[in-house]
C-alpha atoms as a PDB file:
ATOM      1  CA  MET A   1     -74.436  50.700  70.345  1.00  0.00           C
ATOM      2  CA  ALA A   2     -71.276  52.674  69.660  1.00  0.00           C
ATOM      3  CA  ALA A   3     -71.636  56.138  68.194  1.00  0.00           C
ATOM      4  CA  GLY A   4     -71.613  56.131  64.407  1.00  0.00           C
ATOM      5  CA  VAL A   5     -72.232  52.349  64.111  1.00  0.00           C
ATOM      6  CA  THR A   6     -75.554  51.298  62.689  1.00  0.00           C
ATOM      7  CA  ALA A   7     -77.233  47.950  63.235  1.00  0.00           C
ATOM      8  CA  GLN A   8     -76.802  47.249  59.522  1.00  0.00           C
ATOM      9  CA  ALA A   9     -73.012  47.753  59.768  1.00  0.00           C
ATOM     10  CA  MET A  10     -72.787  45.053  62.463  1.00  0.00           C
ATOM     11  CA  ILE A  11     -74.148  42.263  60.251  1.00  0.00           C
ATOM     12  CA  CYS A  12     -71.435  39.675  59.675  1.00  0.00           C
ATOM     13  CA  LEU A  13     -71.165  38.837  56.008  1.00  0.00           C
ATOM     14  CA  PRO A  14     -69.342  35.737  54.775  1.00  0.00           C
ATOM     15  CA  PRO A  15     -65.946  36.429  53.252  1.00  0.00           C
ATOM     16  CA  PRO A  16     -65.915  36.819  49.471  1.00  0.00           C
ATOM     17  CA  GLN A  17     -65.501  33.508  47.693  1.00  0.00           C
ATOM     18  CA  ASN A  18     -62.215  33.284  45.829  1.00  0.00           C
ATOM     19  CA  TYR A  19     -62.590  29.667  44.645  1.00  0.00           C
ATOM     20  CA  ASP A  20     -65.061  27.624  42.618  1.00  0.00           C
ATOM     21  CA  ALA A  21     -65.579  23.953  43.328  1.00  0.00           C
ATOM     22  CA  LEU A  22     -64.657  21.507  40.564  1.00  0.00           C
ATOM     23  CA  VAL A  23     -67.404  18.939  40.862  1.00  0.00           C
ATOM     24  CA  MET A  24     -68.113  15.501  39.376  1.00  0.00           C
ATOM     25  CA  ASP A  25     -71.395  13.649  39.581  1.00  0.00           C
ATOM     26  CA  ARG A  26     -71.133  10.448  41.637  1.00  0.00           C
ATOM     27  CA  ASP A  27     -71.385   8.006  38.676  1.00  0.00           C
ATOM     28  CA  ALA A  28     -68.667   9.748  36.639  1.00  0.00           C
ATOM     29  CA  PHE A  29     -66.522  10.063  39.775  1.00  0.00           C
ATOM     30  CA  GLU A  30     -66.728   6.341  40.539  1.00  0.00           C
ATOM     31  CA  ASN A  31     -65.964   5.403  36.926  1.00  0.00           C
ATOM     32  CA  SER A  32     -63.036   7.827  36.527  1.00  0.00           C
ATOM     33  CA  VAL A  33     -60.285   5.560  37.866  1.00  0.00           C
ATOM     34  CA  SER A  34     -58.040   4.440  34.995  1.00  0.00           C
ATOM     35  CA  ILE A  35     -54.462   3.895  33.850  1.00  0.00           C
ATOM     36  CA  ILE A  36     -53.342   6.138  31.010  1.00  0.00           C
ATOM     37  CA  GLY A  37     -49.989   6.907  29.398  1.00  0.00           C
ATOM     38  CA  ALA A  38     -47.288   8.747  31.311  1.00  0.00           C
ATOM     39  CA  GLN A  39     -48.044  12.455  31.798  1.00  0.00           C
ATOM     40  CA  PRO A  40     -45.953  15.467  32.845  1.00  0.00           C
ATOM     41  CA  VAL A  41     -46.228  16.386  36.525  1.00  0.00           C
ATOM     42  CA  VAL A  42     -48.317  19.539  37.030  1.00  0.00           C
ATOM     43  CA  LYS A  43     -48.535  19.950  40.831  1.00  0.00           C
ATOM     44  CA  SER A  44     -46.561  17.330  42.719  1.00  0.00           C
ATOM     45  CA  GLY A  45     -47.635  16.116  46.123  1.00  0.00           C
ATOM     46  CA  LYS A  46     -46.658  13.155  48.264  1.00  0.00           C
ATOM     47  CA  ILE A  47     -44.453  10.325  47.029  1.00  0.00           C
ATOM     48  CA  TYR A  48     -44.454   6.643  47.850  1.00  0.00           C
ATOM     49  CA  VAL A  49     -41.947   3.890  47.006  1.00  0.00           C
ATOM     50  CA  LYS A  50     -42.841   0.208  46.885  1.00  0.00           C
ATOM     51  CA  GLY A  51     -40.238  -2.185  45.516  1.00  0.00           C
ATOM     52  CA  ASP A  52     -39.200  -0.934  42.073  1.00  0.00           C
ATOM     53  CA  LEU A  53     -42.149   1.477  41.795  1.00  0.00           C
ATOM     54  CA  LEU A  54     -42.288   5.146  42.694  1.00  0.00           C
ATOM     55  CA  PHE A  55     -45.701   6.830  42.934  1.00  0.00           C
ATOM     56  CA  VAL A  56     -45.794  10.655  42.739  1.00  0.00           C
ATOM     57  CA  ASN A  57     -49.084  12.356  43.492  1.00  0.00           C
ATOM     58  CA  ASP A  58     -50.311  15.042  41.104  1.00  0.00           C
ATOM     59  CA  VAL A  59     -52.529  16.813  43.618  1.00  0.00           C
ATOM     60  CA  ASN A  60     -56.236  16.083  43.059  1.00  0.00           C
ATOM     61  CA  LYS A  61     -55.523  14.419  39.711  1.00  0.00           C
ATOM     62  CA  GLY A  62     -53.862  11.043  40.392  1.00  0.00           C
ATOM     63  CA  PHE A  63     -50.463   9.357  40.586  1.00  0.00           C
ATOM     64  CA  HIS A  64     -47.505   9.210  38.239  1.00  0.00           C
ATOM     65  CA  ILE A  65     -45.974   5.735  38.276  1.00  0.00           C
ATOM     66  CA  TYR A  66     -42.237   5.349  37.677  1.00  0.00           C
ATOM     67  CA  ASN A  67     -40.033   2.272  37.432  1.00  0.00           C
ATOM     68  CA  CYS A  68     -37.145   3.075  39.763  1.00  0.00           C
ATOM     69  CA  SER A  69     -35.310  -0.269  39.563  1.00  0.00           C
ATOM     70  CA  ASN A  70     -32.335   1.868  38.479  1.00  0.00           C
ATOM     71  CA  PRO A  71     -32.584   5.162  40.427  1.00  0.00           C
ATOM     72  CA  ASN A  72     -30.156   6.820  37.988  1.00  0.00           C
ATOM     73  CA  THR A  73     -32.530   6.275  35.065  1.00  0.00           C
ATOM     74  CA  MET A  74     -36.082   6.236  36.403  1.00  0.00           C
ATOM     75  CA  VAL A  75     -38.647   5.554  33.702  1.00  0.00           C
ATOM     76  CA  ALA A  76     -42.153   7.033  33.616  1.00  0.00           C
ATOM     77  CA  VAL A  77     -44.480   4.039  33.217  1.00  0.00           C
ATOM     78  CA  ALA A  78     -48.031   5.374  33.466  1.00  0.00           C
ATOM     79  CA  PHE A  79     -50.435   7.769  35.105  1.00  0.00           C
ATOM     80  CA  LEU A  80     -53.090   6.498  37.489  1.00  0.00           C
ATOM     81  CA  ASN A  81     -55.980   8.850  36.775  1.00  0.00           C
ATOM     82  CA  ILE A  82     -58.029   9.175  39.967  1.00  0.00           C
ATOM     83  CA  PRO A  83     -59.571  12.657  40.309  1.00  0.00           C
ATOM     84  CA  GLY A  84     -59.570  14.096  43.820  1.00  0.00           C
ATOM     85  CA  ALA A  85     -56.724  11.868  45.068  1.00  0.00           C
ATOM     86  CA  THR A  86     -53.985  13.220  47.303  1.00  0.00           C
ATOM     87  CA  ASP A  87     -52.550  10.254  49.204  1.00  0.00           C
ATOM     88  CA  LEU A  88     -52.015   6.515  49.078  1.00  0.00           C
ATOM     89  CA  ALA A  89     -50.816   3.640  51.213  1.00  0.00           C
ATOM     90  CA  MET A  90     -49.827   0.131  50.205  1.00  0.00           C
ATOM     91  CA  ARG A  91     -49.877  -3.266  51.840  1.00  0.00           C
ATOM     92  CA  GLY A  92     -48.526  -6.067  49.714  1.00  0.00           C
ATOM     93  CA  ASN A  93     -49.903  -5.463  46.204  1.00  0.00           C
ATOM     94  CA  VAL A  94     -53.020  -3.641  47.466  1.00  0.00           C
ATOM     95  CA  ILE A  95     -53.159   0.149  47.104  1.00  0.00           C
ATOM     96  CA  TYR A  96     -55.440   2.318  49.253  1.00  0.00           C
ATOM     97  CA  ILE A  97     -56.178   5.795  47.893  1.00  0.00           C
ATOM     98  CA  ASN A  98     -58.270   8.678  49.181  1.00  0.00           C
ATOM     99  CA  GLN A  99     -60.305   9.746  46.172  1.00  0.00           C
ATOM    100  CA  ALA A 100     -61.871  12.954  47.501  1.00  0.00           C
ATOM    101  CA  VAL A 101     -64.589  11.618  49.858  1.00  0.00           C
ATOM    102  CA  ASP A 102     -64.059   7.904  49.152  1.00  0.00           C
ATOM    103  CA  LEU A 103     -61.466   5.326  50.175  1.00  0.00           C
ATOM    104  CA  VAL A 104     -60.644   3.254  47.084  1.00  0.00           C
ATOM    105  CA  THR A 105     -58.878  -0.096  47.212  1.00  0.00           C
ATOM    106  CA  LEU A 106     -57.192  -1.321  44.053  1.00  0.00           C
ATOM    107  CA  VAL A 107     -54.545  -3.679  42.746  1.00  0.00           C
ATOM    108  CA  TYR A 108     -51.917  -2.573  40.226  1.00  0.00           C
ATOM    109  CA  ASN A 109     -50.510  -5.238  37.887  1.00  0.00           C
ATOM    110  CA  GLN A 110     -47.061  -3.955  36.953  1.00  0.00           C
ATOM    111  CA  GLN A 111     -46.472  -6.475  34.160  1.00  0.00           C
ATOM    112  CA  ALA A 112     -49.768  -5.744  32.375  1.00  0.00           C
ATOM    113  CA  ASN A 113     -49.848  -2.067  33.486  1.00  0.00           C
ATOM    114  CA  THR A 114     -53.474  -2.432  34.600  1.00  0.00           C
ATOM    115  CA  ILE A 115     -55.456  -1.636  37.709  1.00  0.00           C
ATOM    116  CA  THR A 116     -58.455  -3.351  39.225  1.00  0.00           C
ATOM    117  CA  VAL A 117     -60.651  -1.493  41.706  1.00  0.00           C
ATOM    118  CA  THR A 118     -61.537  -4.085  44.347  1.00  0.00           C
ATOM    119  CA  LYS A 119     -63.528  -1.940  46.776  1.00  0.00           C
ATOM    120  CA  ARG A 120     -64.890   1.559  47.266  1.00  0.00           C
ATOM    121  CA  ASN A 121     -65.879   2.827  50.709  1.00  0.00           C
ATOM    122  CA  LYS A 122     -68.108   5.825  50.048  1.00  0.00           C
ATOM    123  CA  ASN A 123     -68.086   9.060  52.047  1.00  0.00           C
ATOM    124  CA  VAL A 124     -65.278   8.070  54.408  1.00  0.00           C
ATOM    125  CA  PHE A 125     -63.798  11.573  54.201  1.00  0.00           C
ATOM    126  CA  PRO A 126     -65.484  15.005  54.290  1.00  0.00           C
ATOM    127  CA  GLN A 127     -65.896  17.081  51.124  1.00  0.00           C
ATOM    128  CA  LYS A 128     -62.741  18.978  50.139  1.00  0.00           C
ATOM    129  CA  LEU A 129     -62.556  22.513  51.515  1.00  0.00           C
ATOM    130  CA  PRO A 130     -61.232  25.492  49.543  1.00  0.00           C
ATOM    131  CA  PRO A 131     -57.999  27.192  50.589  1.00  0.00           C
ATOM    132  CA  ASP A 132     -59.858  30.346  51.658  1.00  0.00           C
ATOM    133  CA  SER A 133     -62.323  28.509  53.956  1.00  0.00           C
ATOM    134  CA  SER A 134     -65.311  29.669  51.931  1.00  0.00           C
ATOM    135  CA  TYR A 135     -68.145  27.230  51.373  1.00  0.00           C
ATOM    136  CA  GLU A 136     -70.026  25.940  48.369  1.00  0.00           C
ATOM    137  CA  GLU A 137     -73.076  23.727  48.560  1.00  0.00           C
ATOM    138  CA  VAL A 138     -73.120  20.632  46.344  1.00  0.00           C
ATOM    139  CA  SER A 139     -75.915  18.135  45.847  1.00  0.00           C
ATOM    140  CA  GLU A 140     -75.933  14.705  47.439  1.00  0.00           C
ATOM    141  CA  ASN A 141     -74.955  13.166  44.091  1.00  0.00           C
ATOM    142  CA  GLU A 142     -71.913  15.433  43.546  1.00  0.00           C
ATOM    143  CA  VAL A 143     -68.330  15.220  44.762  1.00  0.00           C
ATOM    144  CA  ILE A 144     -65.854  18.102  44.981  1.00  0.00           C
ATOM    145  CA  ILE A 145     -62.581  16.925  43.422  1.00  0.00           C
ATOM    146  CA  ASP A 146     -60.655  20.212  43.559  1.00  0.00           C
ATOM    147  CA  TRP A 147     -60.954  23.985  43.871  1.00  0.00           C
ATOM    148  CA  GLN A 148     -60.105  26.529  41.194  1.00  0.00           C
ATOM    149  CA  GLN A 149     -59.196  30.123  42.016  1.00  0.00           C
ATOM    150  CA  ILE A 150     -61.542  32.661  40.394  1.00  0.00           C
END
């Protein structure tokens, strides 16, 4: 052992945790998908265009839906509330969204401004990790939807 270094000083401690997990219980998480009125964008993420619709991700919160039939005057139509979501893909009228750990399949009816969840594949993705690579244990019935800096 090097001079001046004690065995206690060589113990590797985990880095200090700078983030707290924002957690939902599984039942609330699965029932959280809904269409609500248009909302202001807080933290924009990826965008997706399908026909006359533009989807803008609000990171870990959901998707803003815009009618872009006239790109010069896009109209905010609704907000797809889906906590933990960061990305989507579309095929035909079917939308696939990563909702934290799950892959959710839904159909959006533009005329009625409604969504129908048609399938949920549970635990397809790993739990979300915090930006500082720290770790927080959650129970089997909990899902991390985001991280908040402390």
